Amino acid sequence: MTANNPKLVLASASPRRVELLAQIGIKPDRIHPADIDETALARETPRQLAERLARKKAEAVCAALGADAAWHGALVIAADTVVAVGRRVLPKAEREDEAQACLALLSGRGHRVYTGLCVHPVGEDGHKARVIESRVTFKHLSRHEISAYLASGDWHGKAGGYAIQGMAAAFISQLVGSHSAVVGLPLYETAHLLSGRGYDVQRAWT
């Protein structure tokens, strides 16, 4: 008789990440957002920031659930996406002027998206972490295109002031790397790390 899969906890309130997991047939047993300080440290590179934030989110949720025996051994999935031009980390735009500044900077040039991923068992050691780097190139944006995108509101709360899965897809001339990682959760690497912790991703398919 095959043992059941471990429980899964998604350390995020992002509906995009829930949808991405569903794309590969995975439904978390619990959604538990992590509340951590996401401020970059001095001299921290964008890659290091993405890895640290994903790990810290996983650790925070593991600590919150650690006293509950029902969740011992559950696998916590955490991720964080950092958009950068060189060493400059772009904000998760909350205001229109932030989004406008991001779009003006990204217009007609390439940038990198670093997605940190961490899978951590509750109450146990042995977390696994990865950073997936993708390169995205924007077309030259006209004032009309920027104004229309700002009016759409699709940028709100998005790293770099845009969402690749939304209207901004019309601006992207090239993507080298993982589309799902740029959206917020690298599916290949997620499946690989879960498999390494004894989670059979394909079990739910049938």
N, C-alpha and C. Protein backbone atom coordinates (compact mmCIF):
# COMPACT_ATOMS: atom_id res chain seq x y z
N MET A 1 0.84 -1.19 0.00
CA MET A 1 0.00 0.00 0.00
C MET A 1 0.88 1.25 0.00
N THR A 2 0.63 2.19 -0.87
CA THR A 2 1.43 3.39 -0.99
C THR A 2 1.05 4.39 0.09
N ALA A 3 2.08 4.97 0.74
CA ALA A 3 1.82 5.94 1.79
C ALA A 3 1.24 7.22 1.19
N ASN A 4 0.46 7.92 2.00
CA ASN A 4 -0.10 9.18 1.54
C ASN A 4 0.98 10.24 1.39
N ASN A 5 0.72 11.20 0.53
CA ASN A 5 1.62 12.33 0.41
C ASN A 5 1.62 13.16 1.68
N PRO A 6 2.74 13.83 1.99
CA PRO A 6 2.73 14.78 3.11
C PRO A 6 1.74 15.90 2.83
N LYS A 7 1.25 16.54 3.89
CA LYS A 7 0.42 17.71 3.71
C LYS A 7 1.27 18.84 3.12
N LEU A 8 0.60 19.74 2.40
CA LEU A 8 1.28 20.88 1.80
C LEU A 8 0.72 22.18 2.36
N VAL A 9 1.62 23.10 2.65
CA VAL A 9 1.24 24.43 3.13
C VAL A 9 1.88 25.45 2.19
N LEU A 10 1.08 26.33 1.63
CA LEU A 10 1.60 27.39 0.78
C LEU A 10 1.76 28.66 1.61
N ALA A 11 3.00 29.14 1.71
CA ALA A 11 3.31 30.31 2.53
C ALA A 11 3.08 31.59 1.75
N SER A 12 1.89 31.73 1.21
CA SER A 12 1.58 32.90 0.38
C SER A 12 0.07 33.06 0.26
N ALA A 13 -0.35 34.32 0.19
CA ALA A 13 -1.76 34.60 -0.06
C ALA A 13 -2.01 34.88 -1.53
N SER A 14 -0.99 34.73 -2.36
CA SER A 14 -1.09 35.07 -3.78
C SER A 14 -2.00 34.09 -4.52
N PRO A 15 -3.09 34.58 -5.12
CA PRO A 15 -3.93 33.67 -5.92
C PRO A 15 -3.20 33.14 -7.15
N ARG A 16 -2.20 33.89 -7.62
CA ARG A 16 -1.42 33.43 -8.77
C ARG A 16 -0.67 32.14 -8.43
N ARG A 17 -0.13 32.06 -7.24
CA ARG A 17 0.63 30.87 -6.86
C ARG A 17 -0.32 29.68 -6.65
N VAL A 18 -1.49 29.94 -6.13
CA VAL A 18 -2.49 28.86 -6.00
C VAL A 18 -2.86 28.33 -7.38
N GLU A 19 -3.06 29.24 -8.33
CA GLU A 19 -3.42 28.84 -9.70
C GLU A 19 -2.28 28.07 -10.37
N LEU A 20 -1.05 28.48 -10.12
CA LEU A 20 0.09 27.79 -10.71
C LEU A 20 0.21 26.37 -10.17
N LEU A 21 0.03 26.20 -8.87
CA LEU A 21 0.07 24.84 -8.31
C LEU A 21 -1.05 23.98 -8.91
N ALA A 22 -2.23 24.58 -9.06
CA ALA A 22 -3.35 23.84 -9.65
C ALA A 22 -3.04 23.40 -11.08
N GLN A 23 -2.22 24.18 -11.77
CA GLN A 23 -1.85 23.83 -13.15
C GLN A 23 -1.14 22.49 -13.22
N ILE A 24 -0.40 22.13 -12.17
CA ILE A 24 0.27 20.82 -12.15
C ILE A 24 -0.43 19.87 -11.18
N GLY A 25 -1.70 20.14 -10.92
CA GLY A 25 -2.52 19.20 -10.17
C GLY A 25 -2.33 19.20 -8.67
N ILE A 26 -1.78 20.27 -8.13
CA ILE A 26 -1.51 20.33 -6.69
C ILE A 26 -2.43 21.34 -6.03
N LYS A 27 -3.09 20.92 -4.96
CA LYS A 27 -3.92 21.81 -4.15
C LYS A 27 -3.37 21.82 -2.72
N PRO A 28 -2.90 22.97 -2.24
CA PRO A 28 -2.37 23.02 -0.87
C PRO A 28 -3.44 22.64 0.16
N ASP A 29 -2.99 21.98 1.21
CA ASP A 29 -3.91 21.66 2.30
C ASP A 29 -4.19 22.87 3.18
N ARG A 30 -3.30 23.87 3.08
CA ARG A 30 -3.48 25.07 3.89
C ARG A 30 -2.77 26.24 3.21
N ILE A 31 -3.38 27.42 3.30
CA ILE A 31 -2.76 28.66 2.87
C ILE A 31 -2.37 29.43 4.12
N HIS A 32 -1.09 29.71 4.28
CA HIS A 32 -0.62 30.37 5.49
C HIS A 32 0.40 31.44 5.10
N PRO A 33 -0.06 32.66 4.80
CA PRO A 33 0.88 33.72 4.40
C PRO A 33 1.91 34.01 5.49
N ALA A 34 3.12 34.34 5.06
CA ALA A 34 4.19 34.68 5.99
C ALA A 34 4.34 36.19 6.06
N ASP A 35 4.39 36.71 7.26
CA ASP A 35 4.54 38.15 7.46
C ASP A 35 5.99 38.42 7.89
N ILE A 36 6.83 38.81 6.94
CA ILE A 36 8.24 39.07 7.24
C ILE A 36 8.64 40.43 6.67
N ASP A 37 9.74 40.95 7.17
CA ASP A 37 10.31 42.19 6.64
C ASP A 37 11.04 41.86 5.34
N GLU A 38 10.62 42.48 4.26
CA GLU A 38 11.20 42.18 2.95
C GLU A 38 12.24 43.21 2.51
N THR A 39 12.71 44.02 3.44
CA THR A 39 13.73 45.03 3.12
C THR A 39 15.05 44.35 2.79
N ALA A 40 15.68 44.79 1.71
CA ALA A 40 16.97 44.23 1.33
C ALA A 40 18.04 44.62 2.33
N LEU A 41 19.00 43.74 2.55
CA LEU A 41 20.12 44.05 3.43
C LEU A 41 21.19 44.82 2.67
N ALA A 42 22.05 45.48 3.41
CA ALA A 42 23.14 46.23 2.79
C ALA A 42 24.02 45.30 1.96
N ARG A 43 24.30 45.70 0.73
CA ARG A 43 25.18 44.97 -0.20
C ARG A 43 24.60 43.62 -0.62
N GLU A 44 23.32 43.38 -0.36
CA GLU A 44 22.68 42.13 -0.76
C GLU A 44 22.31 42.20 -2.24
N THR A 45 22.70 41.20 -3.01
CA THR A 45 22.37 41.17 -4.43
C THR A 45 20.91 40.76 -4.61
N PRO A 46 20.32 41.06 -5.78
CA PRO A 46 18.94 40.62 -6.02
C PRO A 46 18.77 39.11 -5.89
N ARG A 47 19.74 38.35 -6.36
CA ARG A 47 19.66 36.88 -6.23
C ARG A 47 19.66 36.47 -4.76
N GLN A 48 20.54 37.05 -3.97
CA GLN A 48 20.60 36.72 -2.55
C GLN A 48 19.32 37.13 -1.83
N LEU A 49 18.76 38.26 -2.22
CA LEU A 49 17.51 38.73 -1.61
C LEU A 49 16.38 37.74 -1.89
N ALA A 50 16.25 37.30 -3.13
CA ALA A 50 15.17 36.36 -3.48
C ALA A 50 15.29 35.06 -2.69
N GLU A 51 16.52 34.55 -2.58
CA GLU A 51 16.73 33.30 -1.83
C GLU A 51 16.42 33.47 -0.36
N ARG A 52 16.91 34.58 0.23
CA ARG A 52 16.71 34.79 1.67
C ARG A 52 15.24 34.97 2.01
N LEU A 53 14.51 35.75 1.20
CA LEU A 53 13.10 36.00 1.51
C LEU A 53 12.27 34.72 1.40
N ALA A 54 12.55 33.89 0.39
CA ALA A 54 11.82 32.62 0.27
C ALA A 54 12.10 31.74 1.48
N ARG A 55 13.36 31.68 1.89
CA ARG A 55 13.73 30.85 3.04
C ARG A 55 13.11 31.38 4.32
N LYS A 56 13.15 32.71 4.51
CA LYS A 56 12.60 33.29 5.72
C LYS A 56 11.08 33.10 5.80
N LYS A 57 10.40 33.18 4.65
CA LYS A 57 8.96 32.93 4.64
C LYS A 57 8.67 31.49 5.07
N ALA A 58 9.43 30.55 4.53
CA ALA A 58 9.22 29.14 4.89
C ALA A 58 9.50 28.92 6.37
N GLU A 59 10.58 29.51 6.87
CA GLU A 59 10.92 29.34 8.28
C GLU A 59 9.86 29.94 9.19
N ALA A 60 9.31 31.09 8.81
CA ALA A 60 8.28 31.74 9.63
C ALA A 60 7.04 30.88 9.74
N VAL A 61 6.63 30.28 8.63
CA VAL A 61 5.43 29.43 8.66
C VAL A 61 5.71 28.14 9.41
N CYS A 62 6.89 27.58 9.24
CA CYS A 62 7.25 26.38 10.00
C CYS A 62 7.22 26.66 11.50
N ALA A 63 7.71 27.82 11.89
CA ALA A 63 7.70 28.19 13.31
C ALA A 63 6.28 28.36 13.82
N ALA A 64 5.41 28.93 12.99
CA ALA A 64 4.02 29.14 13.41
C ALA A 64 3.26 27.84 13.57
N LEU A 65 3.60 26.85 12.76
CA LEU A 65 2.89 25.57 12.80
C LEU A 65 3.60 24.51 13.64
N GLY A 66 4.80 24.82 14.10
CA GLY A 66 5.63 23.82 14.75
C GLY A 66 5.04 23.20 16.00
N ALA A 67 4.21 23.95 16.72
CA ALA A 67 3.65 23.43 17.97
C ALA A 67 2.43 22.56 17.75
N ASP A 68 1.94 22.49 16.51
CA ASP A 68 0.74 21.72 16.20
C ASP A 68 1.16 20.37 15.60
N ALA A 69 0.97 19.30 16.37
CA ALA A 69 1.41 17.98 15.93
C ALA A 69 0.76 17.55 14.62
N ALA A 70 -0.44 18.08 14.33
CA ALA A 70 -1.15 17.70 13.11
C ALA A 70 -0.40 18.13 11.86
N TRP A 71 0.49 19.11 12.00
CA TRP A 71 1.21 19.63 10.83
C TRP A 71 2.68 19.23 10.82
N HIS A 72 3.08 18.40 11.78
CA HIS A 72 4.47 17.95 11.80
C HIS A 72 4.77 17.14 10.53
N GLY A 73 5.83 17.51 9.85
CA GLY A 73 6.21 16.81 8.63
C GLY A 73 5.57 17.36 7.37
N ALA A 74 4.61 18.30 7.53
CA ALA A 74 4.02 18.94 6.34
C ALA A 74 5.10 19.73 5.61
N LEU A 75 4.95 19.86 4.31
CA LEU A 75 5.92 20.58 3.50
C LEU A 75 5.41 22.00 3.23
N VAL A 76 6.21 22.96 3.62
CA VAL A 76 5.89 24.36 3.39
C VAL A 76 6.56 24.81 2.09
N ILE A 77 5.77 25.38 1.19
CA ILE A 77 6.29 25.93 -0.06
C ILE A 77 6.27 27.45 0.05
N ALA A 78 7.43 28.06 -0.14
CA ALA A 78 7.52 29.52 -0.09
C ALA A 78 8.29 30.02 -1.30
N ALA A 79 7.92 31.20 -1.78
CA ALA A 79 8.60 31.78 -2.93
C ALA A 79 8.58 33.30 -2.82
N ASP A 80 9.56 33.92 -3.48
CA ASP A 80 9.58 35.37 -3.56
C ASP A 80 10.20 35.78 -4.89
N THR A 81 9.62 36.78 -5.52
CA THR A 81 10.07 37.22 -6.84
C THR A 81 10.67 38.61 -6.75
N VAL A 82 11.89 38.75 -7.28
CA VAL A 82 12.60 40.02 -7.27
C VAL A 82 12.89 40.42 -8.72
N VAL A 83 12.46 41.61 -9.09
CA VAL A 83 12.74 42.16 -10.43
C VAL A 83 13.88 43.16 -10.29
N ALA A 84 14.90 43.02 -11.13
CA ALA A 84 16.08 43.86 -10.98
C ALA A 84 16.63 44.31 -12.33
N VAL A 85 17.13 45.53 -12.33
CA VAL A 85 17.92 46.06 -13.44
C VAL A 85 19.33 46.25 -12.90
N GLY A 86 20.25 45.39 -13.32
CA GLY A 86 21.56 45.36 -12.70
C GLY A 86 21.41 44.93 -11.25
N ARG A 87 21.97 45.71 -10.34
CA ARG A 87 21.82 45.43 -8.90
C ARG A 87 20.66 46.19 -8.28
N ARG A 88 19.97 46.97 -9.09
CA ARG A 88 18.85 47.77 -8.58
C ARG A 88 17.59 46.92 -8.51
N VAL A 89 17.04 46.78 -7.31
CA VAL A 89 15.81 46.02 -7.11
C VAL A 89 14.62 46.95 -7.28
N LEU A 90 13.70 46.57 -8.15
CA LEU A 90 12.51 47.38 -8.38
C LEU A 90 11.45 47.04 -7.32
N PRO A 91 10.64 48.01 -6.94
CA PRO A 91 9.65 47.77 -5.87
C PRO A 91 8.46 46.96 -6.35
N LYS A 92 7.71 46.44 -5.38
CA LYS A 92 6.39 45.90 -5.65
C LYS A 92 5.45 47.11 -5.63
N ALA A 93 5.10 47.55 -6.81
CA ALA A 93 4.45 48.86 -6.95
C ALA A 93 3.11 48.91 -6.24
N GLU A 94 2.98 49.86 -5.32
CA GLU A 94 1.73 50.09 -4.61
C GLU A 94 1.08 51.41 -5.04
N ARG A 95 1.88 52.28 -5.63
CA ARG A 95 1.38 53.58 -6.09
C ARG A 95 1.61 53.72 -7.59
N GLU A 96 0.78 54.52 -8.23
CA GLU A 96 0.89 54.68 -9.68
C GLU A 96 2.23 55.28 -10.09
N ASP A 97 2.75 56.21 -9.29
CA ASP A 97 4.03 56.82 -9.66
C ASP A 97 5.17 55.80 -9.58
N GLU A 98 5.07 54.83 -8.65
CA GLU A 98 6.06 53.76 -8.58
C GLU A 98 6.00 52.90 -9.84
N ALA A 99 4.80 52.53 -10.24
CA ALA A 99 4.63 51.70 -11.43
C ALA A 99 5.11 52.44 -12.67
N GLN A 100 4.81 53.73 -12.76
CA GLN A 100 5.23 54.51 -13.92
C GLN A 100 6.76 54.58 -14.00
N ALA A 101 7.42 54.77 -12.87
CA ALA A 101 8.88 54.81 -12.85
C ALA A 101 9.47 53.47 -13.29
N CYS A 102 8.86 52.38 -12.84
CA CYS A 102 9.33 51.05 -13.24
C CYS A 102 9.19 50.85 -14.75
N LEU A 103 8.03 51.17 -15.29
CA LEU A 103 7.79 50.99 -16.72
C LEU A 103 8.72 51.84 -17.56
N ALA A 104 8.97 53.07 -17.12
CA ALA A 104 9.89 53.95 -17.84
C ALA A 104 11.30 53.36 -17.85
N LEU A 105 11.70 52.75 -16.73
CA LEU A 105 13.03 52.15 -16.63
C LEU A 105 13.13 50.89 -17.48
N LEU A 106 12.07 50.09 -17.50
CA LEU A 106 12.10 48.81 -18.22
C LEU A 106 11.91 48.98 -19.73
N SER A 107 11.35 50.08 -20.14
CA SER A 107 11.04 50.29 -21.56
C SER A 107 12.27 50.15 -22.45
N GLY A 108 12.17 49.26 -23.44
CA GLY A 108 13.21 49.11 -24.43
C GLY A 108 14.48 48.44 -23.96
N ARG A 109 14.43 47.74 -22.83
CA ARG A 109 15.64 47.12 -22.32
C ARG A 109 15.33 45.78 -21.66
N GLY A 110 16.37 45.05 -21.37
CA GLY A 110 16.21 43.78 -20.68
C GLY A 110 16.39 43.94 -19.17
N HIS A 111 15.80 43.03 -18.44
CA HIS A 111 15.99 42.99 -16.99
C HIS A 111 15.95 41.53 -16.55
N ARG A 112 16.24 41.31 -15.30
CA ARG A 112 16.27 39.94 -14.76
C ARG A 112 15.23 39.78 -13.65
N VAL A 113 14.65 38.61 -13.63
CA VAL A 113 13.68 38.26 -12.59
C VAL A 113 14.25 37.07 -11.83
N TYR A 114 14.45 37.25 -10.54
CA TYR A 114 14.96 36.19 -9.67
C TYR A 114 13.82 35.69 -8.79
N THR A 115 13.54 34.41 -8.89
CA THR A 115 12.48 33.83 -8.06
C THR A 115 13.09 32.83 -7.10
N GLY A 116 13.05 33.18 -5.83
CA GLY A 116 13.52 32.28 -4.79
C GLY A 116 12.43 31.28 -4.45
N LEU A 117 12.83 30.03 -4.24
CA LEU A 117 11.90 28.95 -3.90
C LEU A 117 12.48 28.16 -2.74
N CYS A 118 11.64 27.85 -1.77
CA CYS A 118 12.09 27.05 -0.63
C CYS A 118 10.99 26.05 -0.24
N VAL A 119 11.38 24.82 -0.04
CA VAL A 119 10.50 23.78 0.50
C VAL A 119 11.08 23.34 1.83
N HIS A 120 10.29 23.48 2.90
CA HIS A 120 10.78 23.24 4.26
C HIS A 120 9.77 22.37 5.01
N PRO A 121 10.20 21.24 5.58
CA PRO A 121 9.28 20.41 6.38
C PRO A 121 9.06 21.01 7.77
N VAL A 122 7.84 21.01 8.21
CA VAL A 122 7.51 21.53 9.55
C VAL A 122 8.09 20.61 10.61
N GLY A 123 8.82 21.19 11.56
CA GLY A 123 9.36 20.42 12.67
C GLY A 123 10.57 19.59 12.34
N GLU A 124 11.13 19.78 11.16
CA GLU A 124 12.29 18.99 10.75
C GLU A 124 13.32 19.89 10.07
N ASP A 125 14.56 19.41 10.01
CA ASP A 125 15.60 20.10 9.27
C ASP A 125 15.55 19.63 7.82
N GLY A 126 16.44 20.19 7.02
CA GLY A 126 16.56 19.69 5.66
C GLY A 126 15.77 20.45 4.62
N HIS A 127 15.71 21.78 4.76
CA HIS A 127 15.02 22.56 3.73
C HIS A 127 15.85 22.56 2.44
N LYS A 128 15.17 22.75 1.34
CA LYS A 128 15.82 22.86 0.04
C LYS A 128 15.42 24.19 -0.59
N ALA A 129 16.38 24.88 -1.16
CA ALA A 129 16.10 26.19 -1.75
C ALA A 129 16.75 26.30 -3.13
N ARG A 130 16.13 27.06 -3.99
CA ARG A 130 16.64 27.32 -5.32
C ARG A 130 16.36 28.79 -5.67
N VAL A 131 17.16 29.32 -6.58
CA VAL A 131 16.86 30.62 -7.18
C VAL A 131 16.84 30.44 -8.69
N ILE A 132 15.73 30.81 -9.30
CA ILE A 132 15.56 30.67 -10.75
C ILE A 132 15.69 32.06 -11.36
N GLU A 133 16.60 32.18 -12.32
CA GLU A 133 16.84 33.46 -12.97
C GLU A 133 16.25 33.45 -14.38
N SER A 134 15.45 34.44 -14.68
CA SER A 134 14.86 34.60 -16.02
C SER A 134 15.21 35.98 -16.55
N ARG A 135 15.38 36.06 -17.86
CA ARG A 135 15.68 37.35 -18.49
C ARG A 135 14.49 37.77 -19.34
N VAL A 136 14.03 38.99 -19.11
CA VAL A 136 12.85 39.51 -19.79
C VAL A 136 13.23 40.80 -20.52
N THR A 137 12.77 40.93 -21.76
CA THR A 137 13.03 42.14 -22.53
C THR A 137 11.73 42.82 -22.89
N PHE A 138 11.65 44.13 -22.62
CA PHE A 138 10.49 44.93 -22.97
C PHE A 138 10.72 45.65 -24.30
N LYS A 139 9.68 45.83 -25.06
CA LYS A 139 9.71 46.71 -26.21
C LYS A 139 9.81 48.15 -25.74
N HIS A 140 10.10 49.07 -26.65
CA HIS A 140 10.02 50.49 -26.31
C HIS A 140 8.55 50.85 -26.10
N LEU A 141 8.24 51.41 -24.95
CA LEU A 141 6.86 51.74 -24.61
C LEU A 141 6.57 53.20 -24.93
N SER A 142 5.46 53.42 -25.60
CA SER A 142 5.02 54.78 -25.87
C SER A 142 4.33 55.35 -24.63
N ARG A 143 4.15 56.67 -24.61
CA ARG A 143 3.42 57.29 -23.50
C ARG A 143 2.00 56.75 -23.42
N HIS A 144 1.40 56.53 -24.57
CA HIS A 144 0.03 55.99 -24.59
C HIS A 144 -0.01 54.59 -23.97
N GLU A 145 0.95 53.74 -24.30
CA GLU A 145 0.97 52.39 -23.75
C GLU A 145 1.16 52.41 -22.23
N ILE A 146 2.05 53.26 -21.76
CA ILE A 146 2.28 53.35 -20.32
C ILE A 146 1.03 53.89 -19.62
N SER A 147 0.43 54.93 -20.18
CA SER A 147 -0.77 55.51 -19.57
C SER A 147 -1.92 54.51 -19.52
N ALA A 148 -2.10 53.76 -20.61
CA ALA A 148 -3.17 52.78 -20.66
C ALA A 148 -2.95 51.66 -19.65
N TYR A 149 -1.70 51.23 -19.53
CA TYR A 149 -1.41 50.16 -18.57
C TYR A 149 -1.61 50.65 -17.14
N LEU A 150 -1.19 51.85 -16.86
CA LEU A 150 -1.41 52.40 -15.51
C LEU A 150 -2.90 52.50 -15.20
N ALA A 151 -3.68 52.90 -16.19
CA ALA A 151 -5.13 53.03 -15.98
C ALA A 151 -5.79 51.67 -15.73
N SER A 152 -5.19 50.61 -16.24
CA SER A 152 -5.77 49.27 -16.08
C SER A 152 -5.71 48.78 -14.64
N GLY A 153 -4.72 49.27 -13.88
CA GLY A 153 -4.54 48.80 -12.51
C GLY A 153 -3.89 47.44 -12.40
N ASP A 154 -3.51 46.86 -13.52
CA ASP A 154 -2.94 45.51 -13.55
C ASP A 154 -1.57 45.44 -12.87
N TRP A 155 -0.96 46.58 -12.67
CA TRP A 155 0.38 46.68 -12.09
C TRP A 155 0.38 46.61 -10.56
N HIS A 156 -0.75 46.82 -9.94
CA HIS A 156 -0.79 47.03 -8.49
C HIS A 156 -0.27 45.82 -7.71
N GLY A 157 0.71 46.09 -6.84
CA GLY A 157 1.27 45.04 -6.00
C GLY A 157 2.22 44.10 -6.71
N LYS A 158 2.57 44.41 -7.94
CA LYS A 158 3.43 43.52 -8.73
C LYS A 158 4.88 43.99 -8.69
N ALA A 159 5.79 43.06 -8.51
CA ALA A 159 7.21 43.37 -8.54
C ALA A 159 7.58 43.94 -9.91
N GLY A 160 8.26 45.09 -9.90
CA GLY A 160 8.62 45.72 -11.15
C GLY A 160 7.50 46.48 -11.81
N GLY A 161 6.32 46.50 -11.19
CA GLY A 161 5.21 47.26 -11.72
C GLY A 161 4.51 46.63 -12.90
N TYR A 162 4.66 45.32 -13.08
CA TYR A 162 3.93 44.66 -14.18
C TYR A 162 3.68 43.20 -13.84
N ALA A 163 2.70 42.63 -14.54
CA ALA A 163 2.38 41.20 -14.39
C ALA A 163 2.48 40.54 -15.75
N ILE A 164 3.40 39.60 -15.88
CA ILE A 164 3.64 38.97 -17.18
C ILE A 164 2.43 38.18 -17.64
N GLN A 165 1.61 37.71 -16.70
CA GLN A 165 0.44 36.91 -17.05
C GLN A 165 -0.76 37.79 -17.40
N GLY A 166 -0.58 39.11 -17.32
CA GLY A 166 -1.67 40.03 -17.61
C GLY A 166 -1.44 40.80 -18.89
N MET A 167 -1.93 42.02 -18.90
CA MET A 167 -1.87 42.85 -20.10
C MET A 167 -0.45 43.19 -20.52
N ALA A 168 0.47 43.21 -19.58
CA ALA A 168 1.86 43.54 -19.90
C ALA A 168 2.51 42.51 -20.80
N ALA A 169 1.89 41.38 -20.99
CA ALA A 169 2.43 40.39 -21.92
C ALA A 169 2.58 40.99 -23.32
N ALA A 170 1.77 42.01 -23.63
CA ALA A 170 1.85 42.67 -24.93
C ALA A 170 3.13 43.50 -25.07
N PHE A 171 3.83 43.74 -23.96
CA PHE A 171 5.05 44.55 -23.98
C PHE A 171 6.32 43.71 -24.08
N ILE A 172 6.22 42.41 -23.86
CA ILE A 172 7.41 41.58 -23.69
C ILE A 172 7.82 40.97 -25.03
N SER A 173 8.99 41.38 -25.50
CA SER A 173 9.48 40.90 -26.79
C SER A 173 10.27 39.61 -26.68
N GLN A 174 10.81 39.35 -25.48
CA GLN A 174 11.61 38.13 -25.31
C GLN A 174 11.61 37.69 -23.86
N LEU A 175 11.55 36.38 -23.68
CA LEU A 175 11.69 35.78 -22.35
C LEU A 175 12.65 34.60 -22.47
N VAL A 176 13.70 34.63 -21.68
CA VAL A 176 14.64 33.52 -21.62
C VAL A 176 14.60 32.99 -20.19
N GLY A 177 14.03 31.82 -20.02
CA GLY A 177 13.91 31.26 -18.68
C GLY A 177 12.53 30.69 -18.45
N SER A 178 12.06 30.79 -17.20
CA SER A 178 10.81 30.15 -16.78
C SER A 178 9.68 31.17 -16.70
N HIS A 179 8.65 30.96 -17.52
CA HIS A 179 7.48 31.83 -17.47
C HIS A 179 6.79 31.74 -16.11
N SER A 180 6.63 30.52 -15.60
CA SER A 180 5.94 30.36 -14.32
C SER A 180 6.72 31.00 -13.17
N ALA A 181 8.06 31.01 -13.28
CA ALA A 181 8.87 31.66 -12.24
C ALA A 181 8.63 33.15 -12.25
N VAL A 182 8.51 33.76 -13.43
CA VAL A 182 8.26 35.19 -13.52
C VAL A 182 6.87 35.52 -12.97
N VAL A 183 5.91 34.63 -13.20
CA VAL A 183 4.57 34.82 -12.64
C VAL A 183 4.62 34.75 -11.11
N GLY A 184 5.47 33.86 -10.57
CA GLY A 184 5.58 33.81 -9.11
C GLY A 184 5.96 32.48 -8.50
N LEU A 185 5.94 31.39 -9.29
CA LEU A 185 6.30 30.09 -8.74
C LEU A 185 6.83 29.19 -9.86
N PRO A 186 8.10 28.82 -9.82
CA PRO A 186 8.67 27.96 -10.87
C PRO A 186 8.17 26.53 -10.73
N LEU A 187 7.37 26.09 -11.66
CA LEU A 187 6.68 24.81 -11.50
C LEU A 187 7.61 23.61 -11.62
N TYR A 188 8.54 23.64 -12.56
CA TYR A 188 9.46 22.50 -12.69
C TYR A 188 10.25 22.31 -11.41
N GLU A 189 10.82 23.38 -10.90
CA GLU A 189 11.64 23.28 -9.69
C GLU A 189 10.80 22.94 -8.47
N THR A 190 9.56 23.44 -8.41
CA THR A 190 8.68 23.10 -7.30
C THR A 190 8.38 21.60 -7.28
N ALA A 191 8.03 21.07 -8.44
CA ALA A 191 7.75 19.63 -8.54
C ALA A 191 8.98 18.81 -8.17
N HIS A 192 10.15 19.28 -8.61
CA HIS A 192 11.40 18.56 -8.33
C HIS A 192 11.71 18.54 -6.84
N LEU A 193 11.58 19.69 -6.18
CA LEU A 193 11.88 19.74 -4.75
C LEU A 193 10.87 18.95 -3.93
N LEU A 194 9.60 18.99 -4.31
CA LEU A 194 8.59 18.20 -3.61
C LEU A 194 8.85 16.72 -3.76
N SER A 195 9.21 16.31 -4.97
CA SER A 195 9.52 14.90 -5.22
C SER A 195 10.68 14.44 -4.35
N GLY A 196 11.66 15.32 -4.18
CA GLY A 196 12.82 14.98 -3.36
C GLY A 196 12.48 14.83 -1.89
N ARG A 197 11.34 15.37 -1.47
CA ARG A 197 10.88 15.23 -0.09
C ARG A 197 9.79 14.18 0.04
N GLY A 198 9.64 13.33 -0.98
CA GLY A 198 8.70 12.21 -0.89
C GLY A 198 7.29 12.52 -1.29
N TYR A 199 7.07 13.64 -1.97
CA TYR A 199 5.72 14.00 -2.43
C TYR A 199 5.56 13.57 -3.88
N ASP A 200 4.59 12.72 -4.15
CA ASP A 200 4.33 12.23 -5.50
C ASP A 200 3.38 13.18 -6.20
N VAL A 201 3.93 14.04 -7.05
CA VAL A 201 3.14 15.06 -7.72
C VAL A 201 2.09 14.44 -8.63
N GLN A 202 2.45 13.34 -9.27
CA GLN A 202 1.54 12.74 -10.25
C GLN A 202 0.38 11.96 -9.62
N ARG A 203 0.45 11.72 -8.32
CA ARG A 203 -0.60 10.92 -7.68
C ARG A 203 -1.97 11.54 -7.85
N ALA A 204 -2.04 12.88 -7.76
CA ALA A 204 -3.34 13.54 -7.86
C ALA A 204 -3.91 13.54 -9.28
N TRP A 205 -3.07 13.27 -10.28
CA TRP A 205 -3.51 13.34 -11.65
C TRP A 205 -4.54 12.26 -11.99
N THR A 206 -4.45 11.12 -11.33
CA THR A 206 -5.32 10.00 -11.65
C THR A 206 -6.30 9.70 -10.51
